[in-house]
Amino acid sequence: VGGSLLLPFCFSKTRYAVPAIALCAL
C-alpha cells in the first residue's frame, strides 16, 4: 500500500523522481 502511494512520484518530471524510483524498486 505504501509503495502504491509513492508510485506516482516516480513519474515526476523533476529530480524527485530519482529517490522515488529507487525506493519503489526496493
PDB file of all heavy atoms in Angstrom:
ATOM      1  N   VAL A   1       0.835  -1.201   0.000  1.00  0.00           N
ATOM      2  CA  VAL A   1       0.000   0.000   0.000  1.00  0.00           C
ATOM      3  C   VAL A   1       0.874   1.256   0.000  1.00  0.00           C
ATOM      4  O   VAL A   1       0.620   2.209  -0.754  1.00  0.00           O
ATOM      5  CB  VAL A   1      -0.944  -0.002   1.219  1.00  0.00           C
ATOM      6  CG1 VAL A   1      -1.687   1.323   1.323  1.00  0.00           C
ATOM      7  CG2 VAL A   1      -1.940  -1.153   1.114  1.00  0.00           C
ATOM      8  N   GLY A   2       1.906   1.254   0.847  1.00  0.00           N
ATOM      9  CA  GLY A   2       2.794   2.414   0.906  1.00  0.00           C
ATOM     10  C   GLY A   2       3.519   2.637  -0.410  1.00  0.00           C
ATOM     11  O   GLY A   2       3.678   3.775  -0.865  1.00  0.00           O
ATOM     12  N   GLY A   3       3.939   1.544  -1.043  1.00  0.00           N
ATOM     13  CA  GLY A   3       4.608   1.664  -2.333  1.00  0.00           C
ATOM     14  C   GLY A   3       3.698   2.259  -3.392  1.00  0.00           C
ATOM     15  O   GLY A   3       4.134   3.051  -4.228  1.00  0.00           O
ATOM     16  N   SER A   4       2.413   1.897  -3.346  1.00  0.00           N
ATOM     17  CA  SER A   4       1.456   2.444  -4.310  1.00  0.00           C
ATOM     18  C   SER A   4       1.268   3.949  -4.103  1.00  0.00           C
ATOM     19  O   SER A   4       1.002   4.689  -5.064  1.00  0.00           O
ATOM     20  CB  SER A   4       0.118   1.717  -4.202  1.00  0.00           C
ATOM     21  OG  SER A   4      -0.501   1.980  -2.948  1.00  0.00           O
ATOM     22  N   LEU A   5       1.428   4.414  -2.860  1.00  0.00           N
ATOM     23  CA  LEU A   5       1.326   5.844  -2.586  1.00  0.00           C
ATOM     24  C   LEU A   5       2.541   6.606  -3.117  1.00  0.00           C
ATOM     25  O   LEU A   5       2.442   7.785  -3.476  1.00  0.00           O
ATOM     26  CB  LEU A   5       1.195   6.087  -1.079  1.00  0.00           C
ATOM     27  CG  LEU A   5      -0.095   5.587  -0.413  1.00  0.00           C
ATOM     28  CD1 LEU A   5      -0.033   5.809   1.090  1.00  0.00           C
ATOM     29  CD2 LEU A   5      -1.309   6.293  -1.001  1.00  0.00           C
ATOM     30  N   LEU A   6       3.688   5.931  -3.158  1.00  0.00           N
ATOM     31  CA  LEU A   6       4.910   6.568  -3.652  1.00  0.00           C
ATOM     32  C   LEU A   6       5.045   6.465  -5.169  1.00  0.00           C
ATOM     33  O   LEU A   6       5.788   7.243  -5.779  1.00  0.00           O
ATOM     34  CB  LEU A   6       6.136   5.925  -2.995  1.00  0.00           C
ATOM     35  CG  LEU A   6       6.281   6.115  -1.485  1.00  0.00           C
ATOM     36  CD1 LEU A   6       7.450   5.288  -0.958  1.00  0.00           C
ATOM     37  CD2 LEU A   6       6.495   7.593  -1.157  1.00  0.00           C
ATOM     38  N   LEU A   7       4.338   5.520  -5.765  1.00  0.00           N
ATOM     39  CA  LEU A   7       4.491   5.251  -7.195  1.00  0.00           C
ATOM     40  C   LEU A   7       4.249   6.474  -8.080  1.00  0.00           C
ATOM     41  O   LEU A   7       5.002   6.683  -9.049  1.00  0.00           O
ATOM     42  CB  LEU A   7       3.556   4.104  -7.597  1.00  0.00           C
ATOM     43  CG  LEU A   7       3.783   3.508  -9.002  1.00  0.00           C
ATOM     44  CD1 LEU A   7       5.190   2.952  -9.120  1.00  0.00           C
ATOM     45  CD2 LEU A   7       2.747   2.415  -9.266  1.00  0.00           C
ATOM     46  N   PRO A   8       3.244   7.308  -7.813  1.00  0.00           N
ATOM     47  CA  PRO A   8       3.030   8.477  -8.684  1.00  0.00           C
ATOM     48  C   PRO A   8       4.235   9.403  -8.776  1.00  0.00           C
ATOM     49  O   PRO A   8       4.452  10.044  -9.817  1.00  0.00           O
ATOM     50  CB  PRO A   8       1.831   9.185  -8.040  1.00  0.00           C
ATOM     51  CG  PRO A   8       1.102   8.114  -7.300  1.00  0.00           C
ATOM     52  CD  PRO A   8       2.174   7.195  -6.798  1.00  0.00           C
ATOM     53  N   PHE A   9       5.040   9.475  -7.713  1.00  0.00           N
ATOM     54  CA  PHE A   9       6.195  10.369  -7.716  1.00  0.00           C
ATOM     55  C   PHE A   9       7.308   9.861  -8.631  1.00  0.00           C
ATOM     56  O   PHE A   9       8.217  10.609  -8.976  1.00  0.00           O
ATOM     57  CB  PHE A   9       6.722  10.559  -6.293  1.00  0.00           C
ATOM     58  CG  PHE A   9       5.728  11.220  -5.377  1.00  0.00           C
ATOM     59  CD1 PHE A   9       4.981  10.474  -4.487  1.00  0.00           C
ATOM     60  CD2 PHE A   9       5.525  12.591  -5.414  1.00  0.00           C
ATOM     61  CE1 PHE A   9       4.045  11.076  -3.648  1.00  0.00           C
ATOM     62  CE2 PHE A   9       4.601  13.211  -4.578  1.00  0.00           C
ATOM     63  CZ  PHE A   9       3.860  12.447  -3.699  1.00  0.00           C
ATOM     64  N   CYS A  10       7.233   8.581  -9.008  1.00  0.00           N
ATOM     65  CA  CYS A  10       8.221   8.034  -9.940  1.00  0.00           C
ATOM     66  C   CYS A  10       8.098   8.671 -11.320  1.00  0.00           C
ATOM     67  O   CYS A  10       9.051   8.640 -12.109  1.00  0.00           O
ATOM     68  CB  CYS A  10       8.048   6.516 -10.069  1.00  0.00           C
ATOM     69  SG  CYS A  10       8.386   5.592  -8.565  1.00  0.00           S
ATOM     70  N   PHE A  11       6.936   9.225 -11.613  1.00  0.00           N
ATOM     71  CA  PHE A  11       6.689   9.813 -12.929  1.00  0.00           C
ATOM     72  C   PHE A  11       6.820  11.336 -12.905  1.00  0.00           C
ATOM     73  O   PHE A  11       6.446  12.003 -13.869  1.00  0.00           O
ATOM     74  CB  PHE A  11       5.298   9.405 -13.419  1.00  0.00           C
ATOM     75  CG  PHE A  11       5.110   7.918 -13.481  1.00  0.00           C
ATOM     76  CD1 PHE A  11       4.480   7.231 -12.453  1.00  0.00           C
ATOM     77  CD2 PHE A  11       5.607   7.186 -14.553  1.00  0.00           C
ATOM     78  CE1 PHE A  11       4.309   5.858 -12.500  1.00  0.00           C
ATOM     79  CE2 PHE A  11       5.442   5.818 -14.612  1.00  0.00           C
ATOM     80  CZ  PHE A  11       4.798   5.144 -13.586  1.00  0.00           C
ATOM     81  N   SER A  12       7.359  11.848 -11.807  1.00  0.00           N
ATOM     82  CA  SER A  12       7.585  13.284 -11.723  1.00  0.00           C
ATOM     83  C   SER A  12       8.646  13.711 -12.740  1.00  0.00           C
ATOM     84  O   SER A  12       9.579  12.967 -13.039  1.00  0.00           O
ATOM     85  CB  SER A  12       8.043  13.651 -10.304  1.00  0.00           C
ATOM     86  OG  SER A  12       8.491  14.991 -10.256  1.00  0.00           O
ATOM     87  N   LYS A  13       8.493  14.900 -13.281  1.00  0.00           N
ATOM     88  CA  LYS A  13       9.465  15.417 -14.252  1.00  0.00           C
ATOM     89  C   LYS A  13      10.586  16.194 -13.579  1.00  0.00           C
ATOM     90  O   LYS A  13      11.380  16.850 -14.247  1.00  0.00           O
ATOM     91  CB  LYS A  13       8.742  16.300 -15.275  1.00  0.00           C
ATOM     92  CG  LYS A  13       7.745  15.529 -16.135  1.00  0.00           C
ATOM     93  CD  LYS A  13       7.108  16.423 -17.180  1.00  0.00           C
ATOM     94  CE  LYS A  13       6.131  15.626 -18.046  1.00  0.00           C
ATOM     95  NZ  LYS A  13       5.491  16.472 -19.086  1.00  0.00           N
ATOM     96  N   THR A  14      10.648  16.092 -12.255  1.00  0.00           N
ATOM     97  CA  THR A  14      11.717  16.742 -11.500  1.00  0.00           C
ATOM     98  C   THR A  14      12.689  15.680 -10.976  1.00  0.00           C
ATOM     99  O   THR A  14      12.489  14.486 -11.157  1.00  0.00           O
ATOM    100  CB  THR A  14      11.139  17.525 -10.310  1.00  0.00           C
ATOM    101  OG1 THR A  14      10.608  16.593  -9.347  1.00  0.00           O
ATOM    102  CG2 THR A  14      10.012  18.444 -10.774  1.00  0.00           C
ATOM    103  N   ARG A  15      13.747  16.145 -10.333  1.00  0.00           N
ATOM    104  CA  ARG A  15      14.740  15.221  -9.776  1.00  0.00           C
ATOM    105  C   ARG A  15      14.164  14.371  -8.648  1.00  0.00           C
ATOM    106  O   ARG A  15      14.773  13.373  -8.254  1.00  0.00           O
ATOM    107  CB  ARG A  15      15.964  16.001  -9.279  1.00  0.00           C
ATOM    108  CG  ARG A  15      16.835  16.583 -10.380  1.00  0.00           C
ATOM    109  CD  ARG A  15      18.172  17.041  -9.824  1.00  0.00           C
ATOM    110  NE  ARG A  15      18.027  18.119  -8.877  1.00  0.00           N
ATOM    111  CZ  ARG A  15      18.231  19.412  -9.163  1.00  0.00           C
ATOM    112  NH1 ARG A  15      18.551  19.764 -10.388  1.00  0.00           N
ATOM    113  NH2 ARG A  15      18.100  20.338  -8.230  1.00  0.00           N
ATOM    114  N   TYR A  16      13.002  14.744  -8.118  1.00  0.00           N
ATOM    115  CA  TYR A  16      12.395  13.962  -7.047  1.00  0.00           C
ATOM    116  C   TYR A  16      11.926  12.591  -7.514  1.00  0.00           C
ATOM    117  O   TYR A  16      11.572  11.737  -6.698  1.00  0.00           O
ATOM    118  CB  TYR A  16      11.233  14.729  -6.417  1.00  0.00           C
ATOM    119  CG  TYR A  16      11.674  15.728  -5.392  1.00  0.00           C
ATOM    120  CD1 TYR A  16      11.874  17.060  -5.740  1.00  0.00           C
ATOM    121  CD2 TYR A  16      11.937  15.341  -4.085  1.00  0.00           C
ATOM    122  CE1 TYR A  16      12.308  17.992  -4.803  1.00  0.00           C
ATOM    123  CE2 TYR A  16      12.366  16.257  -3.137  1.00  0.00           C
ATOM    124  CZ  TYR A  16      12.555  17.574  -3.502  1.00  0.00           C
ATOM    125  OH  TYR A  16      12.995  18.487  -2.567  1.00  0.00           O
ATOM    126  N   ALA A  17      11.927  12.370  -8.812  1.00  0.00           N
ATOM    127  CA  ALA A  17      11.584  11.045  -9.326  1.00  0.00           C
ATOM    128  C   ALA A  17      12.682  10.031  -8.989  1.00  0.00           C
ATOM    129  O   ALA A  17      12.408   8.837  -8.849  1.00  0.00           O
ATOM    130  CB  ALA A  17      11.384  11.098 -10.842  1.00  0.00           C
ATOM    131  N   VAL A  18      13.925  10.498  -8.851  1.00  0.00           N
ATOM    132  CA  VAL A  18      15.061   9.594  -8.634  1.00  0.00           C
ATOM    133  C   VAL A  18      14.928   8.815  -7.321  1.00  0.00           C
ATOM    134  O   VAL A  18      14.973   7.575  -7.328  1.00  0.00           O
ATOM    135  CB  VAL A  18      16.392  10.373  -8.689  1.00  0.00           C
ATOM    136  CG1 VAL A  18      17.561   9.469  -8.313  1.00  0.00           C
ATOM    137  CG2 VAL A  18      16.592  10.951 -10.085  1.00  0.00           C
ATOM    138  N   PRO A  19      14.771   9.481  -6.162  1.00  0.00           N
ATOM    139  CA  PRO A  19      14.601   8.691  -4.923  1.00  0.00           C
ATOM    140  C   PRO A  19      13.327   7.863  -4.923  1.00  0.00           C
ATOM    141  O   PRO A  19      13.307   6.761  -4.361  1.00  0.00           O
ATOM    142  CB  PRO A  19      14.583   9.755  -3.814  1.00  0.00           C
ATOM    143  CG  PRO A  19      14.324  11.041  -4.493  1.00  0.00           C
ATOM    144  CD  PRO A  19      14.860  10.918  -5.867  1.00  0.00           C
ATOM    145  N   ALA A  20      12.268   8.348  -5.567  1.00  0.00           N
ATOM    146  CA  ALA A  20      11.009   7.592  -5.600  1.00  0.00           C
ATOM    147  C   ALA A  20      11.177   6.293  -6.375  1.00  0.00           C
ATOM    148  O   ALA A  20      10.710   5.234  -5.950  1.00  0.00           O
ATOM    149  CB  ALA A  20       9.905   8.440  -6.221  1.00  0.00           C
ATOM    150  N   ILE A  21      11.862   6.352  -7.513  1.00  0.00           N
ATOM    151  CA  ILE A  21      12.085   5.152  -8.326  1.00  0.00           C
ATOM    152  C   ILE A  21      12.929   4.130  -7.570  1.00  0.00           C
ATOM    153  O   ILE A  21      12.611   2.939  -7.526  1.00  0.00           O
ATOM    154  CB  ILE A  21      12.764   5.532  -9.662  1.00  0.00           C
ATOM    155  CG1 ILE A  21      11.789   6.312 -10.549  1.00  0.00           C
ATOM    156  CG2 ILE A  21      13.265   4.283 -10.390  1.00  0.00           C
ATOM    157  CD1 ILE A  21      12.426   6.906 -11.783  1.00  0.00           C
ATOM    158  N   ALA A  22      14.017   4.603  -6.957  1.00  0.00           N
ATOM    159  CA  ALA A  22      14.889   3.693  -6.210  1.00  0.00           C
ATOM    160  C   ALA A  22      14.142   3.069  -5.034  1.00  0.00           C
ATOM    161  O   ALA A  22      14.281   1.871  -4.756  1.00  0.00           O
ATOM    162  CB  ALA A  22      16.130   4.443  -5.730  1.00  0.00           C
ATOM    163  N   LEU A  23      13.333   3.865  -4.347  1.00  0.00           N
ATOM    164  CA  LEU A  23      12.604   3.371  -3.171  1.00  0.00           C
ATOM    165  C   LEU A  23      11.536   2.363  -3.572  1.00  0.00           C
ATOM    166  O   LEU A  23      11.374   1.321  -2.913  1.00  0.00           O
ATOM    167  CB  LEU A  23      11.987   4.545  -2.421  1.00  0.00           C
ATOM    168  CG  LEU A  23      11.351   4.250  -1.066  1.00  0.00           C
ATOM    169  CD1 LEU A  23      12.309   3.480  -0.165  1.00  0.00           C
ATOM    170  CD2 LEU A  23      10.931   5.551  -0.391  1.00  0.00           C
ATOM    171  N   CYS A  24      10.806   2.638  -4.645  1.00  0.00           N
ATOM    172  CA  CYS A  24       9.780   1.687  -5.102  1.00  0.00           C
ATOM    173  C   CYS A  24      10.422   0.381  -5.554  1.00  0.00           C
ATOM    174  O   CYS A  24       9.852  -0.700  -5.353  1.00  0.00           O
ATOM    175  CB  CYS A  24       8.962   2.304  -6.232  1.00  0.00           C
ATOM    176  SG  CYS A  24       7.767   3.552  -5.673  1.00  0.00           S
ATOM    177  N   ALA A  25      11.604   0.463  -6.157  1.00  0.00           N
ATOM    178  CA  ALA A  25      12.323  -0.751  -6.555  1.00  0.00           C
ATOM    179  C   ALA A  25      12.716  -1.567  -5.329  1.00  0.00           C
ATOM    180  O   ALA A  25      12.622  -2.806  -5.330  1.00  0.00           O
ATOM    181  CB  ALA A  25      13.567  -0.379  -7.364  1.00  0.00           C
ATOM    182  N   LEU A  26      13.146  -0.889  -4.262  1.00  0.00           N
ATOM    183  CA  LEU A  26      13.479  -1.573  -3.015  1.00  0.00           C
ATOM    184  C   LEU A  26      12.264  -2.301  -2.450  1.00  0.00           C
ATOM    185  O   LEU A  26      12.350  -3.479  -2.069  1.00  0.00           O
ATOM    186  CB  LEU A  26      13.990  -0.550  -1.999  1.00  0.00           C
ATOM    187  CG  LEU A  26      14.030  -1.003  -0.528  1.00  0.00           C
ATOM    188  CD1 LEU A  26      15.071  -2.081  -0.332  1.00  0.00           C
ATOM    189  CD2 LEU A  26      14.278   0.167   0.399  1.00  0.00           C
TER     190      LEU A  26
END
